[in-house]
Every structure is written in C-alpha cells, then in structure tokens.
Amino acid sequence: MFDSIALGLIKSMGHSGTVPGAIQKEGLPAALQRLEQALASREVPPPDNDSDDANSDDPEPRVSMAHRALPLLNMLKSAIREGDYIIWDK
C-alpha cells in the first residue's frame, strides 16, 4: 500500500499515524468501526463512464479508497477473530 494511502487509513482508525505503530487487541474493534465509518462517509467520485476508455490518457482505472482498504479491513477482522494485534512499519 502506498505511504500516503496507508497513513490516511491508519489515521481513519483513530491512530496518530506514527510509523512504526501498533494497535493492541483491545483497541481493534473500535479501530475497525472508525475505519468503516470513515470509508462509508467519504464521498468518492465514480469513474467517468462518459469518456471513451480507448482514447483515455490515463490507462489505469481509478481505485476507490474502500477498495484499497479491503486488505486492511480483512486484517483487522482476522486479528479480532484470532484475539491478536496488528503492527505496521515501513
């Protein structure tokens, strides 16, 4: 995950954004809830379907923040299920 995106998601969980960082198992449910709320409230513009994709200058499709957050959401849910914690580093 790109640094700026990862830091934004970490901050959305209620963490300061320091790297390296961690969230203890007791804090994971609240972090997950905050992240899900932040993703749900974010206004992400849909891709421009009116443009001709074959003539587009940007060959890469736009990826929503909700889609980019899926690995983090899955990791949080797994850690909660397993009674574990998460850590991150560069």
N, C-alpha and C. Protein backbone atom coordinates (compact mmCIF):
# COMPACT_ATOMS: atom_id res chain seq x y z
N MET A 1 0.85 -1.17 0.00
CA MET A 1 0.00 0.00 0.00
C MET A 1 0.90 1.23 0.00
N PHE A 2 0.54 2.23 -0.79
CA PHE A 2 1.32 3.45 -0.85
C PHE A 2 1.29 4.18 0.49
N ASP A 3 2.40 4.85 0.83
CA ASP A 3 2.52 5.51 2.13
C ASP A 3 1.36 6.45 2.45
N SER A 4 1.04 7.35 1.52
CA SER A 4 0.01 8.35 1.81
C SER A 4 -1.36 7.70 2.02
N ILE A 5 -1.65 6.67 1.26
CA ILE A 5 -2.92 5.97 1.42
C ILE A 5 -2.95 5.22 2.74
N ALA A 6 -1.87 4.51 3.03
CA ALA A 6 -1.79 3.74 4.28
C ALA A 6 -1.91 4.66 5.49
N LEU A 7 -1.20 5.79 5.48
CA LEU A 7 -1.27 6.71 6.62
C LEU A 7 -2.68 7.28 6.78
N GLY A 8 -3.33 7.58 5.68
CA GLY A 8 -4.71 8.08 5.76
C GLY A 8 -5.64 7.06 6.37
N LEU A 9 -5.47 5.79 5.99
CA LEU A 9 -6.32 4.73 6.56
C LEU A 9 -6.01 4.51 8.03
N ILE A 10 -4.73 4.57 8.40
CA ILE A 10 -4.33 4.40 9.80
C ILE A 10 -4.93 5.53 10.65
N LYS A 11 -4.86 6.75 10.14
CA LYS A 11 -5.43 7.89 10.87
C LYS A 11 -6.96 7.76 10.96
N SER A 12 -7.58 7.20 9.92
CA SER A 12 -9.04 7.00 9.95
C SER A 12 -9.45 6.02 11.04
N MET A 13 -8.52 5.14 11.45
CA MET A 13 -8.81 4.18 12.52
C MET A 13 -8.69 4.84 13.89
N GLY A 14 -8.25 6.10 13.93
CA GLY A 14 -8.11 6.80 15.20
C GLY A 14 -6.69 6.78 15.74
N HIS A 15 -5.74 6.30 14.96
CA HIS A 15 -4.35 6.25 15.39
C HIS A 15 -3.67 7.55 14.95
N SER A 16 -2.58 7.90 15.62
CA SER A 16 -1.88 9.13 15.30
C SER A 16 -1.21 9.11 13.94
N GLY A 17 -0.94 7.93 13.42
CA GLY A 17 -0.27 7.82 12.13
C GLY A 17 1.23 7.66 12.25
N THR A 18 1.71 7.47 13.46
CA THR A 18 3.15 7.27 13.62
C THR A 18 3.56 5.93 13.02
N VAL A 19 4.78 5.91 12.49
CA VAL A 19 5.34 4.70 11.90
C VAL A 19 6.70 4.49 12.52
N PRO A 20 6.98 3.34 13.09
CA PRO A 20 6.12 2.17 13.22
C PRO A 20 5.02 2.41 14.26
N GLY A 21 4.01 1.57 14.19
CA GLY A 21 2.89 1.70 15.11
C GLY A 21 2.20 0.36 15.32
N ALA A 22 1.25 0.37 16.23
CA ALA A 22 0.52 -0.87 16.55
C ALA A 22 -0.81 -0.52 17.20
N ILE A 23 -1.72 -1.48 17.14
CA ILE A 23 -2.98 -1.39 17.87
C ILE A 23 -3.14 -2.70 18.63
N GLN A 24 -3.31 -2.58 19.94
CA GLN A 24 -3.49 -3.77 20.77
C GLN A 24 -4.86 -4.39 20.49
N LYS A 25 -4.99 -5.65 20.84
CA LYS A 25 -6.22 -6.38 20.53
C LYS A 25 -7.45 -5.73 21.12
N GLU A 26 -7.34 -5.09 22.28
CA GLU A 26 -8.49 -4.44 22.91
C GLU A 26 -8.98 -3.24 22.09
N GLY A 27 -8.10 -2.62 21.33
CA GLY A 27 -8.46 -1.44 20.56
C GLY A 27 -8.91 -1.73 19.14
N LEU A 28 -8.80 -2.98 18.71
CA LEU A 28 -9.12 -3.32 17.32
C LEU A 28 -10.60 -3.15 16.95
N PRO A 29 -11.56 -3.58 17.78
CA PRO A 29 -12.96 -3.37 17.38
C PRO A 29 -13.30 -1.90 17.14
N ALA A 30 -12.82 -1.01 18.00
CA ALA A 30 -13.10 0.42 17.83
C ALA A 30 -12.39 0.95 16.58
N ALA A 31 -11.17 0.50 16.33
CA ALA A 31 -10.42 0.93 15.14
C ALA A 31 -11.15 0.49 13.88
N LEU A 32 -11.63 -0.73 13.86
CA LEU A 32 -12.38 -1.24 12.72
C LEU A 32 -13.65 -0.42 12.49
N GLN A 33 -14.37 -0.13 13.56
CA GLN A 33 -15.60 0.64 13.45
C GLN A 33 -15.31 2.05 12.91
N ARG A 34 -14.27 2.70 13.42
CA ARG A 34 -13.93 4.05 12.94
C ARG A 34 -13.54 4.03 11.47
N LEU A 35 -12.76 3.01 11.06
CA LEU A 35 -12.34 2.92 9.67
C LEU A 35 -13.55 2.69 8.76
N GLU A 36 -14.45 1.79 9.14
CA GLU A 36 -15.64 1.53 8.34
C GLU A 36 -16.52 2.78 8.23
N GLN A 37 -16.64 3.53 9.32
CA GLN A 37 -17.44 4.76 9.29
C GLN A 37 -16.78 5.80 8.38
N ALA A 38 -15.47 5.92 8.46
CA ALA A 38 -14.76 6.88 7.62
C ALA A 38 -14.91 6.54 6.14
N LEU A 39 -14.82 5.26 5.82
CA LEU A 39 -14.97 4.84 4.43
C LEU A 39 -16.39 5.05 3.93
N ALA A 40 -17.37 4.80 4.79
CA ALA A 40 -18.78 4.95 4.39
C ALA A 40 -19.15 6.41 4.18
N SER A 41 -18.54 7.32 4.92
CA SER A 41 -18.91 8.73 4.83
C SER A 41 -18.12 9.49 3.76
N ARG A 42 -17.09 8.87 3.24
CA ARG A 42 -16.24 9.55 2.24
C ARG A 42 -16.96 9.62 0.90
N GLU A 43 -16.96 10.79 0.33
CA GLU A 43 -17.56 11.00 -0.98
C GLU A 43 -16.49 10.71 -2.04
N VAL A 44 -16.59 9.59 -2.69
CA VAL A 44 -15.63 9.22 -3.73
C VAL A 44 -16.34 9.34 -5.07
N PRO A 45 -15.82 10.21 -5.97
CA PRO A 45 -16.50 10.36 -7.25
C PRO A 45 -16.40 9.07 -8.07
N PRO A 46 -17.48 8.71 -8.75
CA PRO A 46 -17.43 7.50 -9.58
C PRO A 46 -16.55 7.73 -10.80
N PRO A 47 -16.05 6.65 -11.39
CA PRO A 47 -15.28 6.82 -12.63
C PRO A 47 -16.13 7.48 -13.70
N ASP A 48 -15.50 8.23 -14.56
CA ASP A 48 -16.20 8.92 -15.64
C ASP A 48 -16.56 7.92 -16.72
N ASN A 49 -17.82 7.49 -16.75
CA ASN A 49 -18.27 6.49 -17.72
C ASN A 49 -18.57 7.10 -19.09
N ASP A 50 -18.59 8.43 -19.17
CA ASP A 50 -18.91 9.07 -20.44
C ASP A 50 -17.71 9.14 -21.37
N SER A 51 -16.51 8.99 -20.83
CA SER A 51 -15.32 9.10 -21.67
C SER A 51 -15.06 7.80 -22.41
N ASP A 52 -14.41 7.91 -23.53
CA ASP A 52 -14.05 6.74 -24.33
C ASP A 52 -12.77 6.17 -23.75
N ASP A 53 -12.85 5.00 -23.11
CA ASP A 53 -11.69 4.39 -22.46
C ASP A 53 -10.55 4.15 -23.43
N ALA A 54 -10.83 3.86 -24.68
CA ALA A 54 -9.78 3.60 -25.65
C ALA A 54 -8.94 4.84 -25.92
N ASN A 55 -9.53 6.03 -25.77
CA ASN A 55 -8.81 7.27 -26.03
C ASN A 55 -8.35 7.96 -24.76
N SER A 56 -8.48 7.32 -23.64
CA SER A 56 -8.14 7.93 -22.37
C SER A 56 -6.63 8.08 -22.22
N ASP A 57 -6.20 9.20 -21.64
CA ASP A 57 -4.77 9.42 -21.35
C ASP A 57 -4.34 8.63 -20.12
N ASP A 58 -5.29 8.24 -19.27
CA ASP A 58 -4.99 7.50 -18.05
C ASP A 58 -5.42 6.05 -18.25
N PRO A 59 -4.46 5.15 -18.57
CA PRO A 59 -4.84 3.77 -18.86
C PRO A 59 -5.26 2.98 -17.62
N GLU A 60 -4.95 3.47 -16.44
CA GLU A 60 -5.28 2.76 -15.20
C GLU A 60 -6.64 3.17 -14.69
N PRO A 61 -7.48 2.21 -14.33
CA PRO A 61 -8.78 2.57 -13.75
C PRO A 61 -8.59 3.17 -12.36
N ARG A 62 -9.52 4.02 -11.96
CA ARG A 62 -9.47 4.61 -10.62
C ARG A 62 -9.87 3.55 -9.60
N VAL A 63 -9.17 3.56 -8.49
CA VAL A 63 -9.43 2.59 -7.43
C VAL A 63 -9.95 3.36 -6.22
N SER A 64 -11.12 3.00 -5.73
CA SER A 64 -11.72 3.70 -4.60
C SER A 64 -10.95 3.41 -3.31
N MET A 65 -11.09 4.32 -2.35
CA MET A 65 -10.46 4.11 -1.05
C MET A 65 -11.04 2.88 -0.36
N ALA A 66 -12.33 2.65 -0.53
CA ALA A 66 -12.95 1.47 0.07
C ALA A 66 -12.32 0.20 -0.48
N HIS A 67 -12.03 0.18 -1.76
CA HIS A 67 -11.40 -1.00 -2.36
C HIS A 67 -9.95 -1.13 -1.89
N ARG A 68 -9.24 -0.01 -1.81
CA ARG A 68 -7.86 -0.04 -1.33
C ARG A 68 -7.78 -0.50 0.12
N ALA A 69 -8.83 -0.23 0.89
CA ALA A 69 -8.83 -0.57 2.31
C ALA A 69 -9.18 -2.02 2.59
N LEU A 70 -9.63 -2.76 1.59
CA LEU A 70 -10.06 -4.15 1.81
C LEU A 70 -9.01 -5.01 2.51
N PRO A 71 -7.74 -4.99 2.11
CA PRO A 71 -6.76 -5.82 2.84
C PRO A 71 -6.65 -5.43 4.32
N LEU A 72 -6.70 -4.13 4.60
CA LEU A 72 -6.62 -3.68 5.99
C LEU A 72 -7.87 -4.10 6.77
N LEU A 73 -9.04 -3.94 6.15
CA LEU A 73 -10.28 -4.37 6.81
C LEU A 73 -10.24 -5.87 7.11
N ASN A 74 -9.79 -6.65 6.15
CA ASN A 74 -9.69 -8.10 6.36
C ASN A 74 -8.69 -8.45 7.46
N MET A 75 -7.57 -7.72 7.50
CA MET A 75 -6.58 -7.96 8.54
C MET A 75 -7.14 -7.62 9.92
N LEU A 76 -7.85 -6.50 10.03
CA LEU A 76 -8.45 -6.13 11.31
C LEU A 76 -9.45 -7.18 11.77
N LYS A 77 -10.32 -7.62 10.87
CA LYS A 77 -11.33 -8.62 11.22
C LYS A 77 -10.67 -9.94 11.63
N SER A 78 -9.62 -10.33 10.94
CA SER A 78 -8.90 -11.56 11.27
C SER A 78 -8.23 -11.44 12.64
N ALA A 79 -7.60 -10.30 12.90
CA ALA A 79 -6.93 -10.11 14.19
C ALA A 79 -7.94 -10.13 15.33
N ILE A 80 -9.12 -9.54 15.11
CA ILE A 80 -10.17 -9.56 16.13
C ILE A 80 -10.61 -11.00 16.39
N ARG A 81 -10.84 -11.74 15.31
CA ARG A 81 -11.27 -13.14 15.43
C ARG A 81 -10.23 -13.98 16.17
N GLU A 82 -8.96 -13.74 15.90
CA GLU A 82 -7.87 -14.53 16.48
C GLU A 82 -7.41 -14.00 17.84
N GLY A 83 -7.92 -12.85 18.26
CA GLY A 83 -7.51 -12.26 19.52
C GLY A 83 -6.07 -11.77 19.47
N ASP A 84 -5.69 -11.22 18.32
CA ASP A 84 -4.32 -10.79 18.10
C ASP A 84 -4.27 -9.27 17.99
N TYR A 85 -3.13 -8.72 17.68
CA TYR A 85 -2.94 -7.28 17.49
C TYR A 85 -2.35 -7.07 16.11
N ILE A 86 -2.28 -5.81 15.66
CA ILE A 86 -1.64 -5.51 14.39
C ILE A 86 -0.53 -4.50 14.61
N ILE A 87 0.49 -4.61 13.78
CA ILE A 87 1.60 -3.66 13.79
C ILE A 87 1.89 -3.26 12.34
N TRP A 88 2.51 -2.12 12.16
CA TRP A 88 2.93 -1.68 10.83
C TRP A 88 4.26 -0.97 10.94
N ASP A 89 4.97 -1.02 9.84
CA ASP A 89 6.29 -0.41 9.72
C ASP A 89 6.52 -0.10 8.25
N LYS A 90 7.51 0.68 7.95
CA LYS A 90 7.82 0.98 6.56
C LYS A 90 8.53 -0.17 5.92
